Amino acid sequence: METRAIARNIGVPATKVRQIIDLIRGKPVAEAMTILSFSSRHVAKIIEKTLRSAIANAANQDVENPVDPEELVVKRIFADEGRDLKRIRPRARGSADRIKKRQSHLTVVVGD
């Protein structure tokens, strides 16, 4: 049985999110949580929160046959590009440069 959790419009580029999610892909949930808790990257807290949501979704999905969170594994985890926030930065002599603040969407799938 698989369940998922999605975090949308994370204020971090997908390339930076992918650096962390590559560390936990395919690992048991307990080990993934340990890796994320000891990571010094800011985005690790967002990934940990989404992973906790996926675990809670798995525990509450089937009330008659509850799933033990210790048996869950991170089956799939991926980060997609989100929208870009377009900002303007003033430059010399009255000109301007465009700044693209990138966002991403995170999807976590856990299963037996």
PDB file of N, CA and C in Angstrom:
ATOM      1  N   MET A   1       0.833  -1.163   0.000  1.00  0.00           N
ATOM      2  CA  MET A   1       0.000   0.000   0.000  1.00  0.00           C
ATOM      3  C   MET A   1       0.891   1.244   0.000  1.00  0.00           C
ATOM      4  N   GLU A   2       0.555   2.177  -0.844  1.00  0.00           N
ATOM      5  CA  GLU A   2       1.331   3.407  -0.965  1.00  0.00           C
ATOM      6  C   GLU A   2       0.462   4.610  -0.614  1.00  0.00           C
ATOM      7  N   THR A   3       1.064   5.556   0.059  1.00  0.00           N
ATOM      8  CA  THR A   3       0.417   6.833   0.326  1.00  0.00           C
ATOM      9  C   THR A   3       1.404   7.935   0.003  1.00  0.00           C
ATOM     10  N   ARG A   4       0.876   9.125  -0.222  1.00  0.00           N
ATOM     11  CA  ARG A   4       1.754  10.216  -0.609  1.00  0.00           C
ATOM     12  C   ARG A   4       1.367  11.504   0.095  1.00  0.00           C
ATOM     13  N   ALA A   5       2.318  12.424   0.076  1.00  0.00           N
ATOM     14  CA  ALA A   5       2.102  13.772   0.588  1.00  0.00           C
ATOM     15  C   ALA A   5       2.810  14.725  -0.368  1.00  0.00           C
ATOM     16  N   ILE A   6       2.189  15.879  -0.594  1.00  0.00           N
ATOM     17  CA  ILE A   6       2.726  16.853  -1.542  1.00  0.00           C
ATOM     18  C   ILE A   6       2.869  18.195  -0.839  1.00  0.00           C
ATOM     19  N   ALA A   7       4.026  18.812  -1.014  1.00  0.00           N
ATOM     20  CA  ALA A   7       4.249  20.179  -0.533  1.00  0.00           C
ATOM     21  C   ALA A   7       4.456  21.046  -1.767  1.00  0.00           C
ATOM     22  N   ARG A   8       3.612  22.034  -1.926  1.00  0.00           N
ATOM     23  CA  ARG A   8       3.680  22.885  -3.114  1.00  0.00           C
ATOM     24  C   ARG A   8       4.238  24.254  -2.771  1.00  0.00           C
ATOM     25  N   ASN A   9       4.840  24.867  -3.792  1.00  0.00           N
ATOM     26  CA  ASN A   9       5.377  26.228  -3.705  1.00  0.00           C
ATOM     27  C   ASN A   9       6.370  26.402  -2.561  1.00  0.00           C
ATOM     28  N   ILE A  10       7.310  25.470  -2.474  1.00  0.00           N
ATOM     29  CA  ILE A  10       8.414  25.602  -1.520  1.00  0.00           C
ATOM     30  C   ILE A  10       9.326  26.695  -2.059  1.00  0.00           C
ATOM     31  N   GLY A  11       9.767  27.579  -1.215  1.00  0.00           N
ATOM     32  CA  GLY A  11      10.580  28.704  -1.658  1.00  0.00           C
ATOM     33  C   GLY A  11      12.036  28.363  -1.865  1.00  0.00           C
ATOM     34  N   VAL A  12      12.319  27.159  -2.334  1.00  0.00           N
ATOM     35  CA  VAL A  12      13.679  26.688  -2.581  1.00  0.00           C
ATOM     36  C   VAL A  12      13.710  26.093  -3.982  1.00  0.00           C
ATOM     37  N   PRO A  13      14.762  26.350  -4.770  1.00  0.00           N
ATOM     38  CA  PRO A  13      14.830  25.760  -6.106  1.00  0.00           C
ATOM     39  C   PRO A  13      14.874  24.231  -6.056  1.00  0.00           C
ATOM     40  N   ALA A  14      14.348  23.604  -7.078  1.00  0.00           N
ATOM     41  CA  ALA A  14      14.287  22.142  -7.131  1.00  0.00           C
ATOM     42  C   ALA A  14      15.678  21.516  -7.130  1.00  0.00           C
ATOM     43  N   THR A  15      16.668  22.197  -7.667  1.00  0.00           N
ATOM     44  CA  THR A  15      18.024  21.633  -7.684  1.00  0.00           C
ATOM     45  C   THR A  15      18.567  21.463  -6.268  1.00  0.00           C
ATOM     46  N   LYS A  16      18.270  22.415  -5.380  1.00  0.00           N
ATOM     47  CA  LYS A  16      18.730  22.316  -3.999  1.00  0.00           C
ATOM     48  C   LYS A  16      17.941  21.265  -3.218  1.00  0.00           C
ATOM     49  N   VAL A  17      16.667  21.097  -3.542  1.00  0.00           N
ATOM     50  CA  VAL A  17      15.859  20.073  -2.889  1.00  0.00           C
ATOM     51  C   VAL A  17      16.351  18.690  -3.310  1.00  0.00           C
ATOM     52  N   ARG A  18      16.711  18.521  -4.576  1.00  0.00           N
ATOM     53  CA  ARG A  18      17.151  17.221  -5.090  1.00  0.00           C
ATOM     54  C   ARG A  18      18.446  16.751  -4.437  1.00  0.00           C
ATOM     55  N   GLN A  19      19.294  17.682  -4.000  1.00  0.00           N
ATOM     56  CA  GLN A  19      20.530  17.297  -3.318  1.00  0.00           C
ATOM     57  C   GLN A  19      20.241  16.543  -2.029  1.00  0.00           C
ATOM     58  N   ILE A  20      19.177  16.908  -1.334  1.00  0.00           N
ATOM     59  CA  ILE A  20      18.835  16.259  -0.072  1.00  0.00           C
ATOM     60  C   ILE A  20      17.987  15.011  -0.293  1.00  0.00           C
ATOM     61  N   ILE A  21      17.046  15.056  -1.234  1.00  0.00           N
ATOM     62  CA  ILE A  21      16.159  13.899  -1.397  1.00  0.00           C
ATOM     63  C   ILE A  21      16.894  12.704  -1.989  1.00  0.00           C
ATOM     64  N   ASP A  22      18.009  12.937  -2.662  1.00  0.00           N
ATOM     65  CA  ASP A  22      18.798  11.809  -3.167  1.00  0.00           C
ATOM     66  C   ASP A  22      19.394  10.995  -2.021  1.00  0.00           C
ATOM     67  N   LEU A  23      19.569  11.605  -0.847  1.00  0.00           N
ATOM     68  CA  LEU A  23      20.139  10.908   0.299  1.00  0.00           C
ATOM     69  C   LEU A  23      19.155   9.934   0.935  1.00  0.00           C
ATOM     70  N   ILE A  24      17.843  10.187   0.812  1.00  0.00           N
ATOM     71  CA  ILE A  24      16.865   9.374   1.539  1.00  0.00           C
ATOM     72  C   ILE A  24      16.015   8.486   0.640  1.00  0.00           C
ATOM     73  N   ARG A  25      16.194   8.569  -0.656  1.00  0.00           N
ATOM     74  CA  ARG A  25      15.366   7.771  -1.569  1.00  0.00           C
ATOM     75  C   ARG A  25      15.647   6.280  -1.361  1.00  0.00           C
ATOM     76  N   GLY A  26      14.573   5.486  -1.148  1.00  0.00           N
ATOM     77  CA  GLY A  26      14.697   4.041  -0.999  1.00  0.00           C
ATOM     78  C   GLY A  26      15.056   3.578   0.400  1.00  0.00           C
ATOM     79  N   LYS A  27      15.184   4.470   1.351  1.00  0.00           N
ATOM     80  CA  LYS A  27      15.583   4.104   2.705  1.00  0.00           C
ATOM     81  C   LYS A  27      14.343   3.915   3.588  1.00  0.00           C
ATOM     82  N   PRO A  28      14.489   3.152   4.685  1.00  0.00           N
ATOM     83  CA  PRO A  28      13.388   3.056   5.644  1.00  0.00           C
ATOM     84  C   PRO A  28      13.090   4.428   6.259  1.00  0.00           C
ATOM     85  N   VAL A  29      11.863   4.604   6.703  1.00  0.00           N
ATOM     86  CA  VAL A  29      11.418   5.899   7.186  1.00  0.00           C
ATOM     87  C   VAL A  29      12.233   6.365   8.392  1.00  0.00           C
ATOM     88  N   ALA A  30      12.547   5.457   9.311  1.00  0.00           N
ATOM     89  CA  ALA A  30      13.299   5.839  10.507  1.00  0.00           C
ATOM     90  C   ALA A  30      14.690   6.353  10.138  1.00  0.00           C
ATOM     91  N   GLU A  31      15.338   5.688   9.208  1.00  0.00           N
ATOM     92  CA  GLU A  31      16.665   6.113   8.772  1.00  0.00           C
ATOM     93  C   GLU A  31      16.591   7.446   8.018  1.00  0.00           C
ATOM     94  N   ALA A  32      15.561   7.620   7.207  1.00  0.00           N
ATOM     95  CA  ALA A  32      15.388   8.874   6.473  1.00  0.00           C
ATOM     96  C   ALA A  32      15.168  10.037   7.427  1.00  0.00           C
ATOM     97  N   MET A  33      14.377   9.829   8.476  1.00  0.00           N
ATOM     98  CA  MET A  33      14.135  10.887   9.459  1.00  0.00           C
ATOM     99  C   MET A  33      15.429  11.262  10.190  1.00  0.00           C
ATOM    100  N   THR A  34      16.265  10.270  10.478  1.00  0.00           N
ATOM    101  CA  THR A  34      17.543  10.542  11.133  1.00  0.00           C
ATOM    102  C   THR A  34      18.453  11.362  10.233  1.00  0.00           C
ATOM    103  N   ILE A  35      18.515  11.014   8.957  1.00  0.00           N
ATOM    104  CA  ILE A  35      19.344  11.756   8.008  1.00  0.00           C
ATOM    105  C   ILE A  35      18.871  13.200   7.907  1.00  0.00           C
ATOM    106  N   LEU A  36      17.562  13.399   7.828  1.00  0.00           N
ATOM    107  CA  LEU A  36      17.021  14.752   7.695  1.00  0.00           C
ATOM    108  C   LEU A  36      17.208  15.583   8.966  1.00  0.00           C
ATOM    109  N   SER A  37      17.102  14.938  10.117  1.00  0.00           N
ATOM    110  CA  SER A  37      17.238  15.700  11.362  1.00  0.00           C
ATOM    111  C   SER A  37      18.672  16.174  11.582  1.00  0.00           C
ATOM    112  N   PHE A  38      19.657  15.450  11.062  1.00  0.00           N
ATOM    113  CA  PHE A  38      21.053  15.847  11.230  1.00  0.00           C
ATOM    114  C   PHE A  38      21.597  16.649  10.053  1.00  0.00           C
ATOM    115  N   SER A  39      20.781  16.911   9.058  1.00  0.00           N
ATOM    116  CA  SER A  39      21.221  17.709   7.922  1.00  0.00           C
ATOM    117  C   SER A  39      21.225  19.186   8.305  1.00  0.00           C
ATOM    118  N   SER A  40      22.217  19.910   7.827  1.00  0.00           N
ATOM    119  CA  SER A  40      22.320  21.335   8.155  1.00  0.00           C
ATOM    120  C   SER A  40      21.613  22.220   7.139  1.00  0.00           C
ATOM    121  N   ARG A  41      21.049  21.649   6.093  1.00  0.00           N
ATOM    122  CA  ARG A  41      20.367  22.426   5.065  1.00  0.00           C
ATOM    123  C   ARG A  41      18.977  22.836   5.540  1.00  0.00           C
ATOM    124  N   HIS A  42      18.568  24.045   5.183  1.00  0.00           N
ATOM    125  CA  HIS A  42      17.256  24.575   5.583  1.00  0.00           C
ATOM    126  C   HIS A  42      16.119  23.752   4.990  1.00  0.00           C
ATOM    127  N   VAL A  43      16.289  23.289   3.774  1.00  0.00           N
ATOM    128  CA  VAL A  43      15.216  22.563   3.090  1.00  0.00           C
ATOM    129  C   VAL A  43      14.969  21.195   3.726  1.00  0.00           C
ATOM    130  N   ALA A  44      15.889  20.687   4.529  1.00  0.00           N
ATOM    131  CA  ALA A  44      15.705  19.388   5.180  1.00  0.00           C
ATOM    132  C   ALA A  44      14.519  19.414   6.134  1.00  0.00           C
ATOM    133  N   LYS A  45      14.262  20.556   6.768  1.00  0.00           N
ATOM    134  CA  LYS A  45      13.107  20.669   7.670  1.00  0.00           C
ATOM    135  C   LYS A  45      11.794  20.567   6.888  1.00  0.00           C
ATOM    136  N   ILE A  46      11.761  21.149   5.704  1.00  0.00           N
ATOM    137  CA  ILE A  46      10.557  21.094   4.870  1.00  0.00           C
ATOM    138  C   ILE A  46      10.331  19.667   4.373  1.00  0.00           C
ATOM    139  N   ILE A  47      11.402  18.995   3.984  1.00  0.00           N
ATOM    140  CA  ILE A  47      11.291  17.608   3.526  1.00  0.00           C
ATOM    141  C   ILE A  47      10.853  16.707   4.674  1.00  0.00           C
ATOM    142  N   GLU A  48      11.396  16.945   5.875  1.00  0.00           N
ATOM    143  CA  GLU A  48      11.015  16.147   7.040  1.00  0.00           C
ATOM    144  C   GLU A  48       9.540  16.331   7.369  1.00  0.00           C
ATOM    145  N   LYS A  49       9.041  17.543   7.267  1.00  0.00           N
ATOM    146  CA  LYS A  49       7.631  17.819   7.539  1.00  0.00           C
ATOM    147  C   LYS A  49       6.739  17.101   6.528  1.00  0.00           C
ATOM    148  N   THR A  50       7.126  17.092   5.267  1.00  0.00           N
ATOM    149  CA  THR A  50       6.346  16.409   4.240  1.00  0.00           C
ATOM    150  C   THR A  50       6.394  14.899   4.431  1.00  0.00           C
ATOM    151  N   LEU A  51       7.566  14.381   4.837  1.00  0.00           N
ATOM    152  CA  LEU A  51       7.695  12.949   5.104  1.00  0.00           C
ATOM    153  C   LEU A  51       6.813  12.543   6.285  1.00  0.00           C
ATOM    154  N   ARG A  52       6.769  13.367   7.343  1.00  0.00           N
ATOM    155  CA  ARG A  52       5.891  13.082   8.478  1.00  0.00           C
ATOM    156  C   ARG A  52       4.418  13.065   8.048  1.00  0.00           C
ATOM    157  N   SER A  53       4.057  13.947   7.132  1.00  0.00           N
ATOM    158  CA  SER A  53       2.689  13.981   6.622  1.00  0.00           C
ATOM    159  C   SER A  53       2.361  12.700   5.853  1.00  0.00           C
ATOM    160  N   ALA A  54       3.310  12.210   5.060  1.00  0.00           N
ATOM    161  CA  ALA A  54       3.087  10.968   4.316  1.00  0.00           C
ATOM    162  C   ALA A  54       2.950   9.783   5.262  1.00  0.00           C
ATOM    163  N   ILE A  55       3.719   9.780   6.342  1.00  0.00           N
ATOM    164  CA  ILE A  55       3.619   8.705   7.336  1.00  0.00           C
ATOM    165  C   ILE A  55       2.258   8.752   8.020  1.00  0.00           C
ATOM    166  N   ALA A  56       1.799   9.947   8.377  1.00  0.00           N
ATOM    167  CA  ALA A  56       0.493  10.096   9.007  1.00  0.00           C
ATOM    168  C   ALA A  56      -0.619   9.684   8.049  1.00  0.00           C
ATOM    169  N   ASN A  57      -0.475  10.006   6.770  1.00  0.00           N
ATOM    170  CA  ASN A  57      -1.472   9.586   5.783  1.00  0.00           C
ATOM    171  C   ASN A  57      -1.536   8.071   5.694  1.00  0.00           C
ATOM    172  N   ALA A  58      -0.374   7.404   5.765  1.00  0.00           N
ATOM    173  CA  ALA A  58      -0.341   5.943   5.708  1.00  0.00           C
ATOM    174  C   ALA A  58      -0.986   5.332   6.947  1.00  0.00           C
ATOM    175  N   ALA A  59      -0.754   5.943   8.106  1.00  0.00           N
ATOM    176  CA  ALA A  59      -1.314   5.404   9.346  1.00  0.00           C
ATOM    177  C   ALA A  59      -2.824   5.579   9.403  1.00  0.00           C
ATOM    178  N   ASN A  60      -3.344   6.648   8.810  1.00  0.00           N
ATOM    179  CA  ASN A  60      -4.774   6.949   8.907  1.00  0.00           C
ATOM    180  C   ASN A  60      -5.580   6.520   7.693  1.00  0.00           C
ATOM    181  N   GLN A  61      -4.926   5.979   6.682  1.00  0.00           N
ATOM    182  CA  GLN A  61      -5.651   5.640   5.459  1.00  0.00           C
ATOM    183  C   GLN A  61      -6.585   4.450   5.656  1.00  0.00           C
ATOM    184  N   ASP A  62      -6.078   3.379   6.233  1.00  0.00           N
ATOM    185  CA  ASP A  62      -6.882   2.181   6.425  1.00  0.00           C
ATOM    186  C   ASP A  62      -7.002   1.919   7.923  1.00  0.00           C
ATOM    187  N   VAL A  63      -8.137   2.273   8.506  1.00  0.00           N
ATOM    188  CA  VAL A  63      -8.320   2.179   9.959  1.00  0.00           C
ATOM    189  C   VAL A  63      -8.430   0.720  10.397  1.00  0.00           C
ATOM    190  N   GLU A  64      -9.013  -0.143   9.572  1.00  0.00           N
ATOM    191  CA  GLU A  64      -9.206  -1.541   9.949  1.00  0.00           C
ATOM    192  C   GLU A  64      -7.891  -2.313   9.965  1.00  0.00           C
ATOM    193  N   ASN A  65      -6.994  -2.009   9.041  1.00  0.00           N
ATOM    194  CA  ASN A  65      -5.679  -2.655   8.986  1.00  0.00           C
ATOM    195  C   ASN A  65      -4.599  -1.589   9.131  1.00  0.00           C
ATOM    196  N   PRO A  66      -4.294  -1.179  10.362  1.00  0.00           N
ATOM    197  CA  PRO A  66      -3.316  -0.096  10.532  1.00  0.00           C
ATOM    198  C   PRO A  66      -1.920  -0.523  10.093  1.00  0.00           C
ATOM    199  N   VAL A  67      -1.188   0.430   9.575  1.00  0.00           N
ATOM    200  CA  VAL A  67       0.170   0.196   9.087  1.00  0.00           C
ATOM    201  C   VAL A  67       1.143   0.639  10.168  1.00  0.00           C
ATOM    202  N   ASP A  68       2.149  -0.185  10.426  1.00  0.00           N
ATOM    203  CA  ASP A  68       3.185   0.175  11.385  1.00  0.00           C
ATOM    204  C   ASP A  68       4.150   1.145  10.709  1.00  0.00           C
ATOM    205  N   PRO A  69       4.331   2.348  11.259  1.00  0.00           N
ATOM    206  CA  PRO A  69       5.222   3.332  10.622  1.00  0.00           C
ATOM    207  C   PRO A  69       6.670   2.853  10.509  1.00  0.00           C
ATOM    208  N   GLU A  70       7.072   1.915  11.364  1.00  0.00           N
ATOM    209  CA  GLU A  70       8.454   1.424  11.311  1.00  0.00           C
ATOM    210  C   GLU A  70       8.708   0.560  10.068  1.00  0.00           C
ATOM    211  N   GLU A  71       7.640   0.016   9.482  1.00  0.00           N
ATOM    212  CA  GLU A  71       7.798  -0.853   8.319  1.00  0.00           C
ATOM    213  C   GLU A  71       7.773  -0.090   7.001  1.00  0.00           C
ATOM    214  N   LEU A  72       7.496   1.208   7.042  1.00  0.00           N
ATOM    215  CA  LEU A  72       7.376   1.993   5.816  1.00  0.00           C
ATOM    216  C   LEU A  72       8.748   2.320   5.235  1.00  0.00           C
ATOM    217  N   VAL A  73       8.767   2.450   3.909  1.00  0.00           N
ATOM    218  CA  VAL A  73       9.979   2.776   3.159  1.00  0.00           C
ATOM    219  C   VAL A  73       9.656   3.939   2.231  1.00  0.00           C
ATOM    220  N   VAL A  74      10.625   4.815   2.021  1.00  0.00           N
ATOM    221  CA  VAL A  74      10.442   5.919   1.073  1.00  0.00           C
ATOM    222  C   VAL A  74      10.563   5.317  -0.328  1.00  0.00           C
ATOM    223  N   LYS A  75       9.425   5.047  -0.954  1.00  0.00           N
ATOM    224  CA  LYS A  75       9.442   4.416  -2.278  1.00  0.00           C
ATOM    225  C   LYS A  75       9.860   5.386  -3.364  1.00  0.00           C
ATOM    226  N   ARG A  76       9.190   6.526  -3.423  1.00  0.00           N
ATOM    227  CA  ARG A  76       9.507   7.552  -4.420  1.00  0.00           C
ATOM    228  C   ARG A  76       9.510   8.902  -3.746  1.00  0.00           C
ATOM    229  N   ILE A  77      10.427   9.734  -4.160  1.00  0.00           N
ATOM    230  CA  ILE A  77      10.458  11.113  -3.687  1.00  0.00           C
ATOM    231  C   ILE A  77      11.066  11.940  -4.811  1.00  0.00           C
ATOM    232  N   PHE A  78      10.384  13.001  -5.182  1.00  0.00           N
ATOM    233  CA  PHE A  78      10.905  13.812  -6.287  1.00  0.00           C
ATOM    234  C   PHE A  78      10.477  15.262  -6.117  1.00  0.00           C
ATOM    235  N   ALA A  79      11.247  16.138  -6.726  1.00  0.00           N
ATOM    236  CA  ALA A  79      10.986  17.575  -6.677  1.00  0.00           C
ATOM    237  C   ALA A  79      10.808  18.078  -8.100  1.00  0.00           C
ATOM    238  N   ASP A  80       9.701  18.752  -8.337  1.00  0.00           N
ATOM    239  CA  ASP A  80       9.411  19.342  -9.638  1.00  0.00           C
ATOM    240  C   ASP A  80       9.572  20.850  -9.555  1.00  0.00           C
ATOM    241  N   GLU A  81       9.759  21.457 -10.713  1.00  0.00           N
ATOM    242  CA  GLU A  81       9.858  22.911 -10.772  1.00  0.00           C
ATOM    243  C   GLU A  81       8.497  23.533 -10.485  1.00  0.00           C
ATOM    244  N   GLY A  82       8.496  24.565  -9.680  1.00  0.00           N
ATOM    245  CA  GLY A  82       7.283  25.323  -9.414  1.00  0.00           C
ATOM    246  C   GLY A  82       7.290  26.592 -10.251  1.00  0.00           C
ATOM    247  N   ARG A  83       6.498  27.547  -9.840  1.00  0.00           N
ATOM    248  CA  ARG A  83       6.473  28.797 -10.586  1.00  0.00           C
ATOM    249  C   ARG A  83       7.665  29.663 -10.185  1.00  0.00           C
ATOM    250  N   ASP A  84       7.986  30.634 -11.016  1.00  0.00           N
ATOM    251  CA  ASP A  84       9.066  31.573 -10.739  1.00  0.00           C
ATOM    252  C   ASP A  84       8.473  32.912 -10.343  1.00  0.00           C
ATOM    253  N   LEU A  85       8.946  33.459  -9.230  1.00  0.00           N
ATOM    254  CA  LEU A  85       8.552  34.810  -8.851  1.00  0.00           C
ATOM    255  C   LEU A  85       9.502  35.773  -9.541  1.00  0.00           C
ATOM    256  N   LYS A  86       8.974  36.689 -10.316  1.00  0.00           N
ATOM    257  CA  LYS A  86       9.805  37.602 -11.092  1.00  0.00           C
ATOM    258  C   LYS A  86       9.952  38.916 -10.333  1.00  0.00           C
ATOM    259  N   ARG A  87      11.187  39.286 -10.069  1.00  0.00           N
ATOM    260  CA  ARG A  87      11.496  40.505  -9.338  1.00  0.00           C
ATOM    261  C   ARG A  87      12.424  41.369 -10.176  1.00  0.00           C
ATOM    262  N   ILE A  88      12.453  42.647  -9.881  1.00  0.00           N
ATOM    263  CA  ILE A  88      13.298  43.586 -10.612  1.00  0.00           C
ATOM    264  C   ILE A  88      14.358  44.141  -9.653  1.00  0.00           C
ATOM    265  N   ARG A  89      15.604  44.185 -10.123  1.00  0.00           N
ATOM    266  CA  ARG A  89      16.688  44.758  -9.337  1.00  0.00           C
ATOM    267  C   ARG A  89      17.232  45.979 -10.079  1.00  0.00           C
ATOM    268  N   PRO A  90      17.234  47.128  -9.442  1.00  0.00           N
ATOM    269  CA  PRO A  90      17.757  48.324 -10.110  1.00  0.00           C
ATOM    270  C   PRO A  90      19.253  48.191 -10.389  1.00  0.00           C
ATOM    271  N   ARG A  91      19.662  48.665 -11.548  1.00  0.00           N
ATOM    272  CA  ARG A  91      21.083  48.625 -11.933  1.00  0.00           C
ATOM    273  C   ARG A  91      21.535  50.042 -12.293  1.00  0.00           C
ATOM    274  N   ALA A  92      22.742  50.145 -12.740  1.00  0.00           N
ATOM    275  CA  ALA A  92      23.337  51.450 -13.018  1.00  0.00           C
ATOM    276  C   ALA A  92      22.669  52.140 -14.204  1.00  0.00           C
ATOM    277  N   ARG A  93      22.678  53.451 -14.173  1.00  0.00           N
ATOM    278  CA  ARG A  93      22.229  54.310 -15.273  1.00  0.00           C
ATOM    279  C   ARG A  93      20.767  54.079 -15.639  1.00  0.00           C
ATOM    280  N   GLY A  94      19.940  53.783 -14.653  1.00  0.00           N
ATOM    281  CA  GLY A  94      18.507  53.682 -14.889  1.00  0.00           C
ATOM    282  C   GLY A  94      18.042  52.377 -15.483  1.00  0.00           C
ATOM    283  N   SER A  95      18.915  51.405 -15.628  1.00  0.00           N
ATOM    284  CA  SER A  95      18.487  50.121 -16.183  1.00  0.00           C
ATOM    285  C   SER A  95      18.061  49.190 -15.050  1.00  0.00           C
ATOM    286  N   ALA A  96      17.609  47.995 -15.404  1.00  0.00           N
ATOM    287  CA  ALA A  96      17.145  47.032 -14.405  1.00  0.00           C
ATOM    288  C   ALA A  96      17.442  45.616 -14.886  1.00  0.00           C
ATOM    289  N   ASP A  97      17.660  44.739 -13.932  1.00  0.00           N
ATOM    290  CA  ASP A  97      17.838  43.316 -14.211  1.00  0.00           C
ATOM    291  C   ASP A  97      16.659  42.562 -13.617  1.00  0.00           C
ATOM    292  N   ARG A  98      16.297  41.470 -14.253  1.00  0.00           N
ATOM    293  CA  ARG A  98      15.221  40.630 -13.753  1.00  0.00           C
ATOM    294  C   ARG A  98      15.828  39.514 -12.902  1.00  0.00           C
ATOM    295  N   ILE A  99      15.229  39.284 -11.751  1.00  0.00           N
ATOM    296  CA  ILE A  99      15.631  38.197 -10.861  1.00  0.00           C
ATOM    297  C   ILE A  99      14.484  37.202 -10.825  1.00  0.00           C
ATOM    298  N   LYS A 100      14.813  35.918 -11.021  1.00  0.00           N
ATOM    299  CA  LYS A 100      13.814  34.869 -10.943  1.00  0.00           C
ATOM    300  C   LYS A 100      14.022  34.104  -9.641  1.00  0.00           C
ATOM    301  N   LYS A 101      13.062  34.226  -8.721  1.00  0.00           N
ATOM    302  CA  LYS A 101      13.116  33.473  -7.472  1.00  0.00           C
ATOM    303  C   LYS A 101      12.369  32.168  -7.711  1.00  0.00           C
ATOM    304  N   ARG A 102      13.097  31.093  -7.757  1.00  0.00           N
ATOM    305  CA  ARG A 102      12.538  29.805  -8.140  1.00  0.00           C
ATOM    306  C   ARG A 102      11.854  29.117  -6.963  1.00  0.00           C
ATOM    307  N   GLN A 103      10.792  28.373  -7.272  1.00  0.00           N
ATOM    308  CA  GLN A 103      10.075  27.576  -6.288  1.00  0.00           C
ATOM    309  C   GLN A 103       9.996  26.149  -6.796  1.00  0.00           C
ATOM    310  N   SER A 104       9.568  25.235  -5.930  1.00  0.00           N
ATOM    311  CA  SER A 104       9.474  23.836  -6.327  1.00  0.00           C
ATOM    312  C   SER A 104       8.297  23.157  -5.622  1.00  0.00           C
ATOM    313  N   HIS A 105       7.930  21.990  -6.133  1.00  0.00           N
ATOM    314  CA  HIS A 105       6.905  21.148  -5.553  1.00  0.00           C
ATOM    315  C   HIS A 105       7.580  19.845  -5.141  1.00  0.00           C
ATOM    316  N   LEU A 106       7.275  19.368  -3.943  1.00  0.00           N
ATOM    317  CA  LEU A 106       7.881  18.141  -3.410  1.00  0.00           C
ATOM    318  C   LEU A 106       6.808  17.079  -3.244  1.00  0.00           C
ATOM    319  N   THR A 107       7.070  15.882  -3.744  1.00  0.00           N
ATOM    320  CA  THR A 107       6.148  14.749  -3.595  1.00  0.00           C
ATOM    321  C   THR A 107       6.880  13.600  -2.930  1.00  0.00           C
ATOM    322  N   VAL A 108       6.297  13.071  -1.850  1.00  0.00           N
ATOM    323  CA  VAL A 108       6.867  11.943  -1.107  1.00  0.00           C
ATOM    324  C   VAL A 108       5.858  10.797  -1.135  1.00  0.00           C
ATOM    325  N   VAL A 109       6.314   9.612  -1.577  1.00  0.00           N
ATOM    326  CA  VAL A 109       5.474   8.410  -1.597  1.00  0.00           C
ATOM    327  C   VAL A 109       6.110   7.378  -0.698  1.00  0.00           C
ATOM    328  N   VAL A 110       5.365   6.920   0.317  1.00  0.00           N
ATOM    329  CA  VAL A 110       5.856   5.869   1.212  1.00  0.00           C
ATOM    330  C   VAL A 110       4.983   4.641   1.038  1.00  0.00           C
ATOM    331  N   GLY A 111       5.592   3.478   1.278  1.00  0.00           N
ATOM    332  CA  GLY A 111       4.847   2.227   1.151  1.00  0.00           C
ATOM    333  C   GLY A 111       5.498   1.111   1.946  1.00  0.00           C
ATOM    334  N   ASP A 112       4.881  -0.060   1.883  1.00  0.00           N
ATOM    335  CA  ASP A 112       5.399  -1.220   2.627  1.00  0.00           C
ATOM    336  C   ASP A 112       6.686  -1.743   2.024  1.00  0.00           C
TER     337      ASP A 112
END
